Amino acid sequence: KTKKAAQYIQKQTGADIVEIRATKPYGDYASSVKRAKYEQKNNIKPK
C-alpha cells in the first residue's frame, strides 16, 4: 500500500524514488505485527 502511495506521489512530482528494505526481511502480517511491537517496545532499529 505504501509502495502504491509512493509511486503515485512520484508520478505527480517527478521526484527520484527509493524503497528501503530491512536486512532481516519482515514475514507475514501476523509475524510483522509481533515484530513491530517488539522493536518499538525495545527501541530496536533494524538495519
PDB file of all heavy atoms in Angstrom:
ATOM      1  N   LYS A   1       0.829  -1.217   0.000  1.00  0.00           N
ATOM      2  CA  LYS A   1       0.000   0.000   0.000  1.00  0.00           C
ATOM      3  C   LYS A   1       0.860   1.263   0.000  1.00  0.00           C
ATOM      4  O   LYS A   1       0.574   2.218  -0.721  1.00  0.00           O
ATOM      5  CB  LYS A   1      -0.934   0.005   1.206  1.00  0.00           C
ATOM      6  CG  LYS A   1      -2.049  -1.030   1.133  1.00  0.00           C
ATOM      7  CD  LYS A   1      -2.954  -0.961   2.351  1.00  0.00           C
ATOM      8  CE  LYS A   1      -4.057  -1.998   2.283  1.00  0.00           C
ATOM      9  NZ  LYS A   1      -4.926  -1.975   3.494  1.00  0.00           N
ATOM     10  N   THR A   2       1.911   1.255   0.816  1.00  0.00           N
ATOM     11  CA  THR A   2       2.774   2.436   0.879  1.00  0.00           C
ATOM     12  C   THR A   2       3.572   2.574  -0.416  1.00  0.00           C
ATOM     13  O   THR A   2       3.856   3.682  -0.865  1.00  0.00           O
ATOM     14  CB  THR A   2       3.728   2.365   2.090  1.00  0.00           C
ATOM     15  OG1 THR A   2       2.958   2.126   3.277  1.00  0.00           O
ATOM     16  CG2 THR A   2       4.487   3.661   2.260  1.00  0.00           C
ATOM     17  N   LYS A   3       3.915   1.450  -1.025  1.00  0.00           N
ATOM     18  CA  LYS A   3       4.603   1.488  -2.319  1.00  0.00           C
ATOM     19  C   LYS A   3       3.712   2.150  -3.359  1.00  0.00           C
ATOM     20  O   LYS A   3       4.182   2.982  -4.156  1.00  0.00           O
ATOM     21  CB  LYS A   3       4.955   0.069  -2.766  1.00  0.00           C
ATOM     22  CG  LYS A   3       5.690   0.014  -4.096  1.00  0.00           C
ATOM     23  CD  LYS A   3       6.090  -1.421  -4.446  1.00  0.00           C
ATOM     24  CE  LYS A   3       6.899  -1.457  -5.741  1.00  0.00           C
ATOM     25  NZ  LYS A   3       7.351  -2.822  -6.068  1.00  0.00           N
ATOM     26  N   LYS A   4       2.436   1.806  -3.347  1.00  0.00           N
ATOM     27  CA  LYS A   4       1.480   2.401  -4.277  1.00  0.00           C
ATOM     28  C   LYS A   4       1.378   3.904  -4.043  1.00  0.00           C
ATOM     29  O   LYS A   4       1.344   4.696  -5.001  1.00  0.00           O
ATOM     30  CB  LYS A   4       0.106   1.750  -4.100  1.00  0.00           C
ATOM     31  CG  LYS A   4      -0.956   2.260  -5.060  1.00  0.00           C
ATOM     32  CD  LYS A   4      -2.289   1.564  -4.823  1.00  0.00           C
ATOM     33  CE  LYS A   4      -3.370   2.132  -5.754  1.00  0.00           C
ATOM     34  NZ  LYS A   4      -4.694   1.494  -5.504  1.00  0.00           N
ATOM     35  N   ALA A   5       1.348   4.304  -2.772  1.00  0.00           N
ATOM     36  CA  ALA A   5       1.288   5.730  -2.425  1.00  0.00           C
ATOM     37  C   ALA A   5       2.530   6.457  -2.922  1.00  0.00           C
ATOM     38  O   ALA A   5       2.442   7.544  -3.504  1.00  0.00           O
ATOM     39  CB  ALA A   5       1.155   5.887  -0.910  1.00  0.00           C
ATOM     40  N   ALA A   6       3.694   5.857  -2.693  1.00  0.00           N
ATOM     41  CA  ALA A   6       4.962   6.466  -3.110  1.00  0.00           C
ATOM     42  C   ALA A   6       5.029   6.620  -4.624  1.00  0.00           C
ATOM     43  O   ALA A   6       5.477   7.656  -5.136  1.00  0.00           O
ATOM     44  CB  ALA A   6       6.124   5.616  -2.613  1.00  0.00           C
ATOM     45  N   GLN A   7       4.572   5.610  -5.335  1.00  0.00           N
ATOM     46  CA  GLN A   7       4.598   5.659  -6.803  1.00  0.00           C
ATOM     47  C   GLN A   7       3.637   6.715  -7.344  1.00  0.00           C
ATOM     48  O   GLN A   7       3.946   7.389  -8.341  1.00  0.00           O
ATOM     49  CB  GLN A   7       4.264   4.282  -7.375  1.00  0.00           C
ATOM     50  CG  GLN A   7       5.362   3.256  -7.142  1.00  0.00           C
ATOM     51  CD  GLN A   7       4.997   1.864  -7.605  1.00  0.00           C
ATOM     52  OE1 GLN A   7       3.802   1.506  -7.669  1.00  0.00           O
ATOM     53  NE2 GLN A   7       5.981   1.051  -7.924  1.00  0.00           N
ATOM     54  N   TYR A   8       2.495   6.880  -6.672  1.00  0.00           N
ATOM     55  CA  TYR A   8       1.552   7.907  -7.109  1.00  0.00           C
ATOM     56  C   TYR A   8       2.150   9.298  -6.895  1.00  0.00           C
ATOM     57  O   TYR A   8       2.074  10.165  -7.779  1.00  0.00           O
ATOM     58  CB  TYR A   8       0.228   7.791  -6.345  1.00  0.00           C
ATOM     59  CG  TYR A   8      -0.768   8.848  -6.769  1.00  0.00           C
ATOM     60  CD1 TYR A   8      -1.447   8.738  -7.981  1.00  0.00           C
ATOM     61  CD2 TYR A   8      -0.985   9.970  -5.981  1.00  0.00           C
ATOM     62  CE1 TYR A   8      -2.335   9.721  -8.387  1.00  0.00           C
ATOM     63  CE2 TYR A   8      -1.871  10.961  -6.383  1.00  0.00           C
ATOM     64  CZ  TYR A   8      -2.542  10.829  -7.594  1.00  0.00           C
ATOM     65  OH  TYR A   8      -3.404  11.816  -8.004  1.00  0.00           O
ATOM     66  N   ILE A   9       2.757   9.519  -5.737  1.00  0.00           N
ATOM     67  CA  ILE A   9       3.382  10.816  -5.432  1.00  0.00           C
ATOM     68  C   ILE A   9       4.548  11.075  -6.382  1.00  0.00           C
ATOM     69  O   ILE A   9       4.756  12.207  -6.830  1.00  0.00           O
ATOM     70  CB  ILE A   9       3.829  10.861  -3.958  1.00  0.00           C
ATOM     71  CG1 ILE A   9       2.595  10.876  -3.047  1.00  0.00           C
ATOM     72  CG2 ILE A   9       4.715  12.075  -3.679  1.00  0.00           C
ATOM     73  CD1 ILE A   9       2.901  10.711  -1.568  1.00  0.00           C
ATOM     74  N   GLN A  10       5.287  10.026  -6.716  1.00  0.00           N
ATOM     75  CA  GLN A  10       6.402  10.180  -7.649  1.00  0.00           C
ATOM     76  C   GLN A  10       5.901  10.627  -9.023  1.00  0.00           C
ATOM     77  O   GLN A  10       6.507  11.480  -9.681  1.00  0.00           O
ATOM     78  CB  GLN A  10       7.152   8.845  -7.773  1.00  0.00           C
ATOM     79  CG  GLN A  10       8.515   8.933  -8.447  1.00  0.00           C
ATOM     80  CD  GLN A  10       8.439   8.933  -9.962  1.00  0.00           C
ATOM     81  OE1 GLN A  10       7.497   8.371 -10.545  1.00  0.00           O
ATOM     82  NE2 GLN A  10       9.399   9.564 -10.611  1.00  0.00           N
ATOM     83  N   LYS A  11       4.764  10.070  -9.441  1.00  0.00           N
ATOM     84  CA  LYS A  11       4.192  10.435 -10.733  1.00  0.00           C
ATOM     85  C   LYS A  11       3.758  11.897 -10.761  1.00  0.00           C
ATOM     86  O   LYS A  11       3.855  12.566 -11.786  1.00  0.00           O
ATOM     87  CB  LYS A  11       2.985   9.535 -11.042  1.00  0.00           C
ATOM     88  CG  LYS A  11       2.392   9.773 -12.425  1.00  0.00           C
ATOM     89  CD  LYS A  11       1.229   8.843 -12.700  1.00  0.00           C
ATOM     90  CE  LYS A  11       0.639   9.126 -14.077  1.00  0.00           C
ATOM     91  NZ  LYS A  11      -0.542   8.249 -14.367  1.00  0.00           N
ATOM     92  N   GLN A  12       3.311  12.408  -9.624  1.00  0.00           N
ATOM     93  CA  GLN A  12       2.826  13.792  -9.547  1.00  0.00           C
ATOM     94  C   GLN A  12       3.957  14.809  -9.358  1.00  0.00           C
ATOM     95  O   GLN A  12       3.755  16.005  -9.555  1.00  0.00           O
ATOM     96  CB  GLN A  12       1.824  13.954  -8.394  1.00  0.00           C
ATOM     97  CG  GLN A  12       0.670  12.976  -8.384  1.00  0.00           C
ATOM     98  CD  GLN A  12      -0.064  12.900  -9.707  1.00  0.00           C
ATOM     99  OE1 GLN A  12      -0.364  13.920 -10.320  1.00  0.00           O
ATOM    100  NE2 GLN A  12      -0.335  11.680 -10.163  1.00  0.00           N
ATOM    101  N   THR A  13       5.130  14.336  -8.971  1.00  0.00           N
ATOM    102  CA  THR A  13       6.232  15.251  -8.662  1.00  0.00           C
ATOM    103  C   THR A  13       7.448  15.105  -9.573  1.00  0.00           C
ATOM    104  O   THR A  13       8.226  16.042  -9.733  1.00  0.00           O
ATOM    105  CB  THR A  13       6.718  15.051  -7.214  1.00  0.00           C
ATOM    106  OG1 THR A  13       7.180  13.694  -7.057  1.00  0.00           O
ATOM    107  CG2 THR A  13       5.597  15.314  -6.221  1.00  0.00           C
ATOM    108  N   GLY A  14       7.628  13.914 -10.145  1.00  0.00           N
ATOM    109  CA  GLY A  14       8.823  13.668 -10.939  1.00  0.00           C
ATOM    110  C   GLY A  14      10.057  13.463 -10.084  1.00  0.00           C
ATOM    111  O   GLY A  14      11.189  13.497 -10.577  1.00  0.00           O
ATOM    112  N   ALA A  15       9.857  13.261  -8.782  1.00  0.00           N
ATOM    113  CA  ALA A  15      10.978  13.099  -7.852  1.00  0.00           C
ATOM    114  C   ALA A  15      11.658  11.744  -8.042  1.00  0.00           C
ATOM    115  O   ALA A  15      11.081  10.811  -8.594  1.00  0.00           O
ATOM    116  CB  ALA A  15      10.479  13.232  -6.415  1.00  0.00           C
ATOM    117  N   ASP A  16      12.895  11.655  -7.568  1.00  0.00           N
ATOM    118  CA  ASP A  16      13.569  10.357  -7.518  1.00  0.00           C
ATOM    119  C   ASP A  16      12.913   9.532  -6.406  1.00  0.00           C
ATOM    120  O   ASP A  16      12.361  10.085  -5.460  1.00  0.00           O
ATOM    121  CB  ASP A  16      15.059  10.537  -7.233  1.00  0.00           C
ATOM    122  CG  ASP A  16      15.783  11.225  -8.380  1.00  0.00           C
ATOM    123  OD1 ASP A  16      15.297  11.135  -9.519  1.00  0.00           O
ATOM    124  OD2 ASP A  16      16.820  11.869  -8.139  1.00  0.00           O
ATOM    125  N   ILE A  17      13.013   8.221  -6.521  1.00  0.00           N
ATOM    126  CA  ILE A  17      12.313   7.367  -5.551  1.00  0.00           C
ATOM    127  C   ILE A  17      13.165   6.154  -5.196  1.00  0.00           C
ATOM    128  O   ILE A  17      13.856   5.597  -6.058  1.00  0.00           O
ATOM    129  CB  ILE A  17      10.940   6.920  -6.124  1.00  0.00           C
ATOM    130  CG1 ILE A  17      10.127   6.160  -5.083  1.00  0.00           C
ATOM    131  CG2 ILE A  17      11.105   6.125  -7.401  1.00  0.00           C
ATOM    132  CD1 ILE A  17       8.663   5.924  -5.517  1.00  0.00           C
ATOM    133  N   VAL A  18      13.142   5.765  -3.931  1.00  0.00           N
ATOM    134  CA  VAL A  18      13.877   4.582  -3.488  1.00  0.00           C
ATOM    135  C   VAL A  18      13.126   3.899  -2.348  1.00  0.00           C
ATOM    136  O   VAL A  18      12.574   4.574  -1.472  1.00  0.00           O
ATOM    137  CB  VAL A  18      15.319   4.944  -3.045  1.00  0.00           C
ATOM    138  CG1 VAL A  18      15.319   5.890  -1.872  1.00  0.00           C
ATOM    139  CG2 VAL A  18      16.115   3.690  -2.700  1.00  0.00           C
ATOM    140  N   GLU A  19      13.065   2.592  -2.407  1.00  0.00           N
ATOM    141  CA  GLU A  19      12.440   1.796  -1.343  1.00  0.00           C
ATOM    142  C   GLU A  19      13.533   1.282  -0.415  1.00  0.00           C
ATOM    143  O   GLU A  19      14.555   0.767  -0.874  1.00  0.00           O
ATOM    144  CB  GLU A  19      11.670   0.615  -1.937  1.00  0.00           C
ATOM    145  CG  GLU A  19      11.030  -0.277  -0.876  1.00  0.00           C
ATOM    146  CD  GLU A  19      10.273  -1.455  -1.484  1.00  0.00           C
ATOM    147  OE1 GLU A  19      10.433  -1.692  -2.706  1.00  0.00           O
ATOM    148  OE2 GLU A  19       9.537  -2.128  -0.742  1.00  0.00           O
ATOM    149  N   ILE A  20      13.337   1.427   0.895  1.00  0.00           N
ATOM    150  CA  ILE A  20      14.295   0.856   1.837  1.00  0.00           C
ATOM    151  C   ILE A  20      13.746  -0.474   2.350  1.00  0.00           C
ATOM    152  O   ILE A  20      12.547  -0.639   2.551  1.00  0.00           O
ATOM    153  CB  ILE A  20      14.607   1.806   3.022  1.00  0.00           C
ATOM    154  CG1 ILE A  20      13.330   2.228   3.750  1.00  0.00           C
ATOM    155  CG2 ILE A  20      15.392   3.012   2.545  1.00  0.00           C
ATOM    156  CD1 ILE A  20      13.596   3.018   5.030  1.00  0.00           C
ATOM    157  N   ARG A  21      14.670  -1.414   2.536  1.00  0.00           N
ATOM    158  CA  ARG A  21      14.288  -2.753   2.985  1.00  0.00           C
ATOM    159  C   ARG A  21      15.135  -3.142   4.191  1.00  0.00           C
ATOM    160  O   ARG A  21      16.301  -2.748   4.295  1.00  0.00           O
ATOM    161  CB  ARG A  21      14.486  -3.764   1.860  1.00  0.00           C
ATOM    162  CG  ARG A  21      13.703  -3.454   0.602  1.00  0.00           C
ATOM    163  CD  ARG A  21      13.957  -4.502  -0.482  1.00  0.00           C
ATOM    164  NE  ARG A  21      15.378  -4.607  -0.820  1.00  0.00           N
ATOM    165  CZ  ARG A  21      15.991  -3.815  -1.686  1.00  0.00           C
ATOM    166  NH1 ARG A  21      15.323  -2.842  -2.287  1.00  0.00           N
ATOM    167  NH2 ARG A  21      17.267  -3.990  -1.940  1.00  0.00           N
ATOM    168  N   ALA A  22      14.563  -3.914   5.074  1.00  0.00           N
ATOM    169  CA  ALA A  22      15.299  -4.373   6.250  1.00  0.00           C
ATOM    170  C   ALA A  22      16.227  -5.521   5.871  1.00  0.00           C
ATOM    171  O   ALA A  22      15.879  -6.357   5.025  1.00  0.00           O
ATOM    172  CB  ALA A  22      14.336  -4.824   7.337  1.00  0.00           C
ATOM    173  N   THR A  23      17.415  -5.549   6.483  1.00  0.00           N
ATOM    174  CA  THR A  23      18.365  -6.633   6.238  1.00  0.00           C
ATOM    175  C   THR A  23      17.721  -7.979   6.568  1.00  0.00           C
ATOM    176  O   THR A  23      17.868  -8.953   5.837  1.00  0.00           O
ATOM    177  CB  THR A  23      19.637  -6.429   7.091  1.00  0.00           C
ATOM    178  OG1 THR A  23      20.223  -5.171   6.754  1.00  0.00           O
ATOM    179  CG2 THR A  23      20.645  -7.534   6.833  1.00  0.00           C
ATOM    180  N   LYS A  24      17.006  -8.015   7.688  1.00  0.00           N
ATOM    181  CA  LYS A  24      16.224  -9.197   8.047  1.00  0.00           C
ATOM    182  C   LYS A  24      14.790  -8.924   7.615  1.00  0.00           C
ATOM    183  O   LYS A  24      14.068  -8.160   8.259  1.00  0.00           O
ATOM    184  CB  LYS A  24      16.286  -9.449   9.558  1.00  0.00           C
ATOM    185  CG  LYS A  24      15.505 -10.672  10.004  1.00  0.00           C
ATOM    186  CD  LYS A  24      15.532 -10.828  11.519  1.00  0.00           C
ATOM    187  CE  LYS A  24      14.685 -12.011  11.969  1.00  0.00           C
ATOM    188  NZ  LYS A  24      14.657 -12.138  13.455  1.00  0.00           N
ATOM    189  N   PRO A  25      14.340  -9.520   6.523  1.00  0.00           N
ATOM    190  CA  PRO A  25      13.011  -9.204   5.976  1.00  0.00           C
ATOM    191  C   PRO A  25      11.887  -9.505   6.973  1.00  0.00           C
ATOM    192  O   PRO A  25      11.986 -10.428   7.788  1.00  0.00           O
ATOM    193  CB  PRO A  25      12.905 -10.126   4.757  1.00  0.00           C
ATOM    194  CG  PRO A  25      14.313 -10.454   4.402  1.00  0.00           C
ATOM    195  CD  PRO A  25      15.048 -10.522   5.707  1.00  0.00           C
ATOM    196  N   TYR A  26      10.833  -8.689   6.872  1.00  0.00           N
ATOM    197  CA  TYR A  26       9.642  -8.950   7.675  1.00  0.00           C
ATOM    198  C   TYR A  26       8.866 -10.103   7.046  1.00  0.00           C
ATOM    199  O   TYR A  26       8.892 -10.288   5.823  1.00  0.00           O
ATOM    200  CB  TYR A  26       8.766  -7.699   7.747  1.00  0.00           C
ATOM    201  CG  TYR A  26       9.352  -6.612   8.613  1.00  0.00           C
ATOM    202  CD1 TYR A  26      10.288  -5.719   8.098  1.00  0.00           C
ATOM    203  CD2 TYR A  26       8.976  -6.485   9.953  1.00  0.00           C
ATOM    204  CE1 TYR A  26      10.838  -4.720   8.896  1.00  0.00           C
ATOM    205  CE2 TYR A  26       9.522  -5.489  10.756  1.00  0.00           C
ATOM    206  CZ  TYR A  26      10.455  -4.617  10.221  1.00  0.00           C
ATOM    207  OH  TYR A  26      11.006  -3.634  11.014  1.00  0.00           O
ATOM    208  N   GLY A  27       8.164 -10.858   7.873  1.00  0.00           N
ATOM    209  CA  GLY A  27       7.414 -12.007   7.389  1.00  0.00           C
ATOM    210  C   GLY A  27       5.991 -11.634   7.005  1.00  0.00           C
ATOM    211  O   GLY A  27       5.735 -10.540   6.492  1.00  0.00           O
ATOM    212  N   ASP A  28       5.049 -12.524   7.312  1.00  0.00           N
ATOM    213  CA  ASP A  28       3.649 -12.245   7.007  1.00  0.00           C
ATOM    214  C   ASP A  28       3.096 -11.209   7.987  1.00  0.00           C
ATOM    215  O   ASP A  28       3.794 -10.727   8.874  1.00  0.00           O
ATOM    216  CB  ASP A  28       2.815 -13.532   7.046  1.00  0.00           C
ATOM    217  CG  ASP A  28       2.901 -14.237   8.407  1.00  0.00           C
ATOM    218  OD1 ASP A  28       3.240 -13.573   9.415  1.00  0.00           O
ATOM    219  OD2 ASP A  28       2.634 -15.447   8.470  1.00  0.00           O
ATOM    220  N   TYR A  29       1.834 -10.868   7.791  1.00  0.00           N
ATOM    221  CA  TYR A  29       1.238  -9.776   8.575  1.00  0.00           C
ATOM    222  C   TYR A  29       1.295 -10.055  10.081  1.00  0.00           C
ATOM    223  O   TYR A  29       1.712  -9.200  10.864  1.00  0.00           O
ATOM    224  CB  TYR A  29      -0.214  -9.562   8.142  1.00  0.00           C
ATOM    225  CG  TYR A  29      -0.907  -8.470   8.926  1.00  0.00           C
ATOM    226  CD1 TYR A  29      -0.671  -7.126   8.651  1.00  0.00           C
ATOM    227  CD2 TYR A  29      -1.802  -8.781   9.961  1.00  0.00           C
ATOM    228  CE1 TYR A  29      -1.292  -6.113   9.376  1.00  0.00           C
ATOM    229  CE2 TYR A  29      -2.425  -7.788  10.695  1.00  0.00           C
ATOM    230  CZ  TYR A  29      -2.171  -6.457  10.401  1.00  0.00           C
ATOM    231  OH  TYR A  29      -2.774  -5.475  11.126  1.00  0.00           O
ATOM    232  N   ALA A  30       0.911 -11.250  10.480  1.00  0.00           N
ATOM    233  CA  ALA A  30       0.846 -11.583  11.906  1.00  0.00           C
ATOM    234  C   ALA A  30       2.224 -11.498  12.570  1.00  0.00           C
ATOM    235  O   ALA A  30       2.384 -10.903  13.642  1.00  0.00           O
ATOM    236  CB  ALA A  30       0.259 -12.981  12.087  1.00  0.00           C
ATOM    237  N   SER A  31       3.240 -12.074  11.915  1.00  0.00           N
ATOM    238  CA  SER A  31       4.587 -12.045  12.498  1.00  0.00           C
ATOM    239  C   SER A  31       5.180 -10.638  12.455  1.00  0.00           C
ATOM    240  O   SER A  31       5.952 -10.247  13.341  1.00  0.00           O
ATOM    241  CB  SER A  31       5.505 -13.029  11.758  1.00  0.00           C
ATOM    242  OG  SER A  31       5.658 -12.649  10.402  1.00  0.00           O
ATOM    243  N   SER A  32       4.797  -9.863  11.439  1.00  0.00           N
ATOM    244  CA  SER A  32       5.298  -8.489  11.321  1.00  0.00           C
ATOM    245  C   SER A  32       4.732  -7.597  12.422  1.00  0.00           C
ATOM    246  O   SER A  32       5.431  -6.736  12.966  1.00  0.00           O
ATOM    247  CB  SER A  32       4.950  -7.905   9.953  1.00  0.00           C
ATOM    248  OG  SER A  32       5.620  -8.608   8.934  1.00  0.00           O
ATOM    249  N   VAL A  33       3.458  -7.812  12.748  1.00  0.00           N
ATOM    250  CA  VAL A  33       2.829  -7.045  13.837  1.00  0.00           C
ATOM    251  C   VAL A  33       3.539  -7.338  15.151  1.00  0.00           C
ATOM    252  O   VAL A  33       3.853  -6.430  15.926  1.00  0.00           O
ATOM    253  CB  VAL A  33       1.323  -7.402  13.948  1.00  0.00           C
ATOM    254  CG1 VAL A  33       0.739  -6.834  15.250  1.00  0.00           C
ATOM    255  CG2 VAL A  33       0.566  -6.848  12.746  1.00  0.00           C
ATOM    256  N   LYS A  34       3.808  -8.604  15.379  1.00  0.00           N
ATOM    257  CA  LYS A  34       4.502  -9.027  16.603  1.00  0.00           C
ATOM    258  C   LYS A  34       5.905  -8.422  16.663  1.00  0.00           C
ATOM    259  O   LYS A  34       6.345  -7.902  17.702  1.00  0.00           O
ATOM    260  CB  LYS A  34       4.575 -10.550  16.651  1.00  0.00           C
ATOM    261  CG  LYS A  34       5.156 -11.110  17.950  1.00  0.00           C
ATOM    262  CD  LYS A  34       5.131 -12.631  17.931  1.00  0.00           C
ATOM    263  CE  LYS A  34       5.731 -13.203  19.225  1.00  0.00           C
ATOM    264  NZ  LYS A  34       5.711 -14.691  19.214  1.00  0.00           N
ATOM    265  N   ARG A  35       6.603  -8.500  15.547  1.00  0.00           N
ATOM    266  CA  ARG A  35       7.965  -7.959  15.489  1.00  0.00           C
ATOM    267  C   ARG A  35       7.967  -6.438  15.659  1.00  0.00           C
ATOM    268  O   ARG A  35       8.823  -5.886  16.351  1.00  0.00           O
ATOM    269  CB  ARG A  35       8.602  -8.330  14.147  1.00  0.00           C
ATOM    270  CG  ARG A  35       9.993  -7.723  13.938  1.00  0.00           C
ATOM    271  CD  ARG A  35      10.594  -8.193  12.627  1.00  0.00           C
ATOM    272  NE  ARG A  35      11.762  -7.412  12.269  1.00  0.00           N
ATOM    273  CZ  ARG A  35      12.471  -7.594  11.153  1.00  0.00           C
ATOM    274  NH1 ARG A  35      12.134  -8.539  10.295  1.00  0.00           N
ATOM    275  NH2 ARG A  35      13.526  -6.839  10.896  1.00  0.00           N
ATOM    276  N   ALA A  36       7.006  -5.777  15.041  1.00  0.00           N
ATOM    277  CA  ALA A  36       6.915  -4.316  15.137  1.00  0.00           C
ATOM    278  C   ALA A  36       6.736  -3.874  16.582  1.00  0.00           C
ATOM    279  O   ALA A  36       7.391  -2.928  17.045  1.00  0.00           O
ATOM    280  CB  ALA A  36       5.760  -3.813  14.281  1.00  0.00           C
ATOM    281  N   LYS A  37       5.863  -4.548  17.286  1.00  0.00           N
ATOM    282  CA  LYS A  37       5.626  -4.204  18.699  1.00  0.00           C
ATOM    283  C   LYS A  37       6.895  -4.418  19.532  1.00  0.00           C
ATOM    284  O   LYS A  37       7.223  -3.605  20.395  1.00  0.00           O
ATOM    285  CB  LYS A  37       4.482  -5.049  19.262  1.00  0.00           C
ATOM    286  CG  LYS A  37       3.109  -4.653  18.733  1.00  0.00           C
ATOM    287  CD  LYS A  37       2.014  -5.528  19.345  1.00  0.00           C
ATOM    288  CE  LYS A  37       0.637  -5.104  18.849  1.00  0.00           C
ATOM    289  NZ  LYS A  37      -0.444  -5.962  19.407  1.00  0.00           N
ATOM    290  N   TYR A  38       7.578  -5.515  19.249  1.00  0.00           N
ATOM    291  CA  TYR A  38       8.811  -5.824  19.991  1.00  0.00           C
ATOM    292  C   TYR A  38       9.889  -4.768  19.716  1.00  0.00           C
ATOM    293  O   TYR A  38      10.573  -4.304  20.640  1.00  0.00           O
ATOM    294  CB  TYR A  38       9.314  -7.215  19.597  1.00  0.00           C
ATOM    295  CG  TYR A  38      10.577  -7.631  20.311  1.00  0.00           C
ATOM    296  CD1 TYR A  38      10.533  -8.109  21.619  1.00  0.00           C
ATOM    297  CD2 TYR A  38      11.820  -7.546  19.674  1.00  0.00           C
ATOM    298  CE1 TYR A  38      11.694  -8.483  22.288  1.00  0.00           C
ATOM    299  CE2 TYR A  38      12.987  -7.919  20.330  1.00  0.00           C
ATOM    300  CZ  TYR A  38      12.916  -8.386  21.633  1.00  0.00           C
ATOM    301  OH  TYR A  38      14.070  -8.742  22.288  1.00  0.00           O
ATOM    302  N   GLU A  39      10.041  -4.385  18.456  1.00  0.00           N
ATOM    303  CA  GLU A  39      11.042  -3.378  18.088  1.00  0.00           C
ATOM    304  C   GLU A  39      10.729  -2.024  18.716  1.00  0.00           C
ATOM    305  O   GLU A  39      11.625  -1.341  19.239  1.00  0.00           O
ATOM    306  CB  GLU A  39      11.116  -3.241  16.558  1.00  0.00           C
ATOM    307  CG  GLU A  39      11.766  -4.430  15.877  1.00  0.00           C
ATOM    308  CD  GLU A  39      11.742  -4.344  14.366  1.00  0.00           C
ATOM    309  OE1 GLU A  39      10.962  -3.525  13.815  1.00  0.00           O
ATOM    310  OE2 GLU A  39      12.496  -5.105  13.716  1.00  0.00           O
ATOM    311  N   GLN A  40       9.464  -1.641  18.687  1.00  0.00           N
ATOM    312  CA  GLN A  40       9.072  -0.354  19.266  1.00  0.00           C
ATOM    313  C   GLN A  40       9.248  -0.346  20.783  1.00  0.00           C
ATOM    314  O   GLN A  40       9.740   0.635  21.355  1.00  0.00           O
ATOM    315  CB  GLN A  40       7.619  -0.034  18.876  1.00  0.00           C
ATOM    316  CG  GLN A  40       7.458   0.308  17.401  1.00  0.00           C
ATOM    317  CD  GLN A  40       6.012   0.471  16.984  1.00  0.00           C
ATOM    318  OE1 GLN A  40       5.092   0.007  17.668  1.00  0.00           O
ATOM    319  NE2 GLN A  40       5.787   1.127  15.855  1.00  0.00           N
ATOM    320  N   LYS A  41       8.861  -1.432  21.416  1.00  0.00           N
ATOM    321  CA  LYS A  41       8.965  -1.523  22.880  1.00  0.00           C
ATOM    322  C   LYS A  41      10.411  -1.478  23.338  1.00  0.00           C
ATOM    323  O   LYS A  41      10.748  -0.876  24.366  1.00  0.00           O
ATOM    324  CB  LYS A  41       8.307  -2.809  23.367  1.00  0.00           C
ATOM    325  CG  LYS A  41       8.330  -2.975  24.886  1.00  0.00           C
ATOM    326  CD  LYS A  41       7.655  -4.273  25.305  1.00  0.00           C
ATOM    327  CE  LYS A  41       7.706  -4.463  26.825  1.00  0.00           C
ATOM    328  NZ  LYS A  41       7.055  -5.753  27.226  1.00  0.00           N
ATOM    329  N   ASN A  42      11.308  -2.094  22.567  1.00  0.00           N
ATOM    330  CA  ASN A  42      12.717  -2.205  22.964  1.00  0.00           C
ATOM    331  C   ASN A  42      13.636  -1.239  22.199  1.00  0.00           C
ATOM    332  O   ASN A  42      14.853  -1.340  22.306  1.00  0.00           O
ATOM    333  CB  ASN A  42      13.193  -3.640  22.765  1.00  0.00           C
ATOM    334  CG  ASN A  42      12.478  -4.620  23.684  1.00  0.00           C
ATOM    335  OD1 ASN A  42      12.805  -4.750  24.855  1.00  0.00           O
ATOM    336  ND2 ASN A  42      11.486  -5.321  23.143  1.00  0.00           N
ATOM    337  N   ASN A  43      13.030  -0.323  21.454  1.00  0.00           N
ATOM    338  CA  ASN A  43      13.788   0.687  20.697  1.00  0.00           C
ATOM    339  C   ASN A  43      14.837   0.042  19.782  1.00  0.00           C
ATOM    340  O   ASN A  43      15.979   0.502  19.690  1.00  0.00           O
ATOM    341  CB  ASN A  43      14.466   1.677  21.651  1.00  0.00           C
ATOM    342  CG  ASN A  43      14.905   2.954  20.942  1.00  0.00           C
ATOM    343  OD1 ASN A  43      14.266   3.413  19.996  1.00  0.00           O
ATOM    344  ND2 ASN A  43      16.025   3.519  21.376  1.00  0.00           N
ATOM    345  N   ILE A  44      14.432  -1.025  19.117  1.00  0.00           N
ATOM    346  CA  ILE A  44      15.327  -1.730  18.193  1.00  0.00           C
ATOM    347  C   ILE A  44      15.165  -1.151  16.790  1.00  0.00           C
ATOM    348  O   ILE A  44      14.061  -1.105  16.257  1.00  0.00           O
ATOM    349  CB  ILE A  44      15.018  -3.240  18.178  1.00  0.00           C
ATOM    350  CG1 ILE A  44      15.295  -3.846  19.548  1.00  0.00           C
ATOM    351  CG2 ILE A  44      15.831  -3.943  17.100  1.00  0.00           C
ATOM    352  CD1 ILE A  44      14.841  -5.287  19.691  1.00  0.00           C
ATOM    353  N   LYS A  45      16.274  -0.715  16.228  1.00  0.00           N
ATOM    354  CA  LYS A  45      16.257  -0.129  14.889  1.00  0.00           C
ATOM    355  C   LYS A  45      16.861  -1.135  13.900  1.00  0.00           C
ATOM    356  O   LYS A  45      18.074  -1.342  13.889  1.00  0.00           O
ATOM    357  CB  LYS A  45      17.046   1.179  14.886  1.00  0.00           C
ATOM    358  CG  LYS A  45      16.536   2.199  15.901  1.00  0.00           C
ATOM    359  CD  LYS A  45      17.434   3.429  15.927  1.00  0.00           C
ATOM    360  CE  LYS A  45      16.960   4.425  16.976  1.00  0.00           C
ATOM    361  NZ  LYS A  45      17.135   3.917  18.364  1.00  0.00           N
ATOM    362  N   PRO A  46      16.034  -1.762  13.096  1.00  0.00           N
ATOM    363  CA  PRO A  46      16.540  -2.774  12.152  1.00  0.00           C
ATOM    364  C   PRO A  46      17.480  -2.160  11.114  1.00  0.00           C
ATOM    365  O   PRO A  46      17.288  -1.020  10.681  1.00  0.00           O
ATOM    366  CB  PRO A  46      15.268  -3.313  11.491  1.00  0.00           C
ATOM    367  CG  PRO A  46      14.265  -2.222  11.650  1.00  0.00           C
ATOM    368  CD  PRO A  46      14.582  -1.557  12.946  1.00  0.00           C
ATOM    369  N   LYS A  47      18.473  -2.922  10.717  1.00  0.00           N
ATOM    370  CA  LYS A  47      19.433  -2.441   9.725  1.00  0.00           C
ATOM    371  C   LYS A  47      18.785  -2.364   8.354  1.00  0.00           C
ATOM    372  O   LYS A  47      17.970  -3.212   7.982  1.00  0.00           O
ATOM    373  CB  LYS A  47      20.654  -3.362   9.679  1.00  0.00           C
ATOM    374  CG  LYS A  47      21.538  -3.270  10.906  1.00  0.00           C
ATOM    375  CD  LYS A  47      22.768  -4.156  10.742  1.00  0.00           C
ATOM    376  CE  LYS A  47      23.685  -4.053  11.969  1.00  0.00           C
ATOM    377  NZ  LYS A  47      24.897  -4.909  11.816  1.00  0.00           N
TER     378      LYS A  47
END
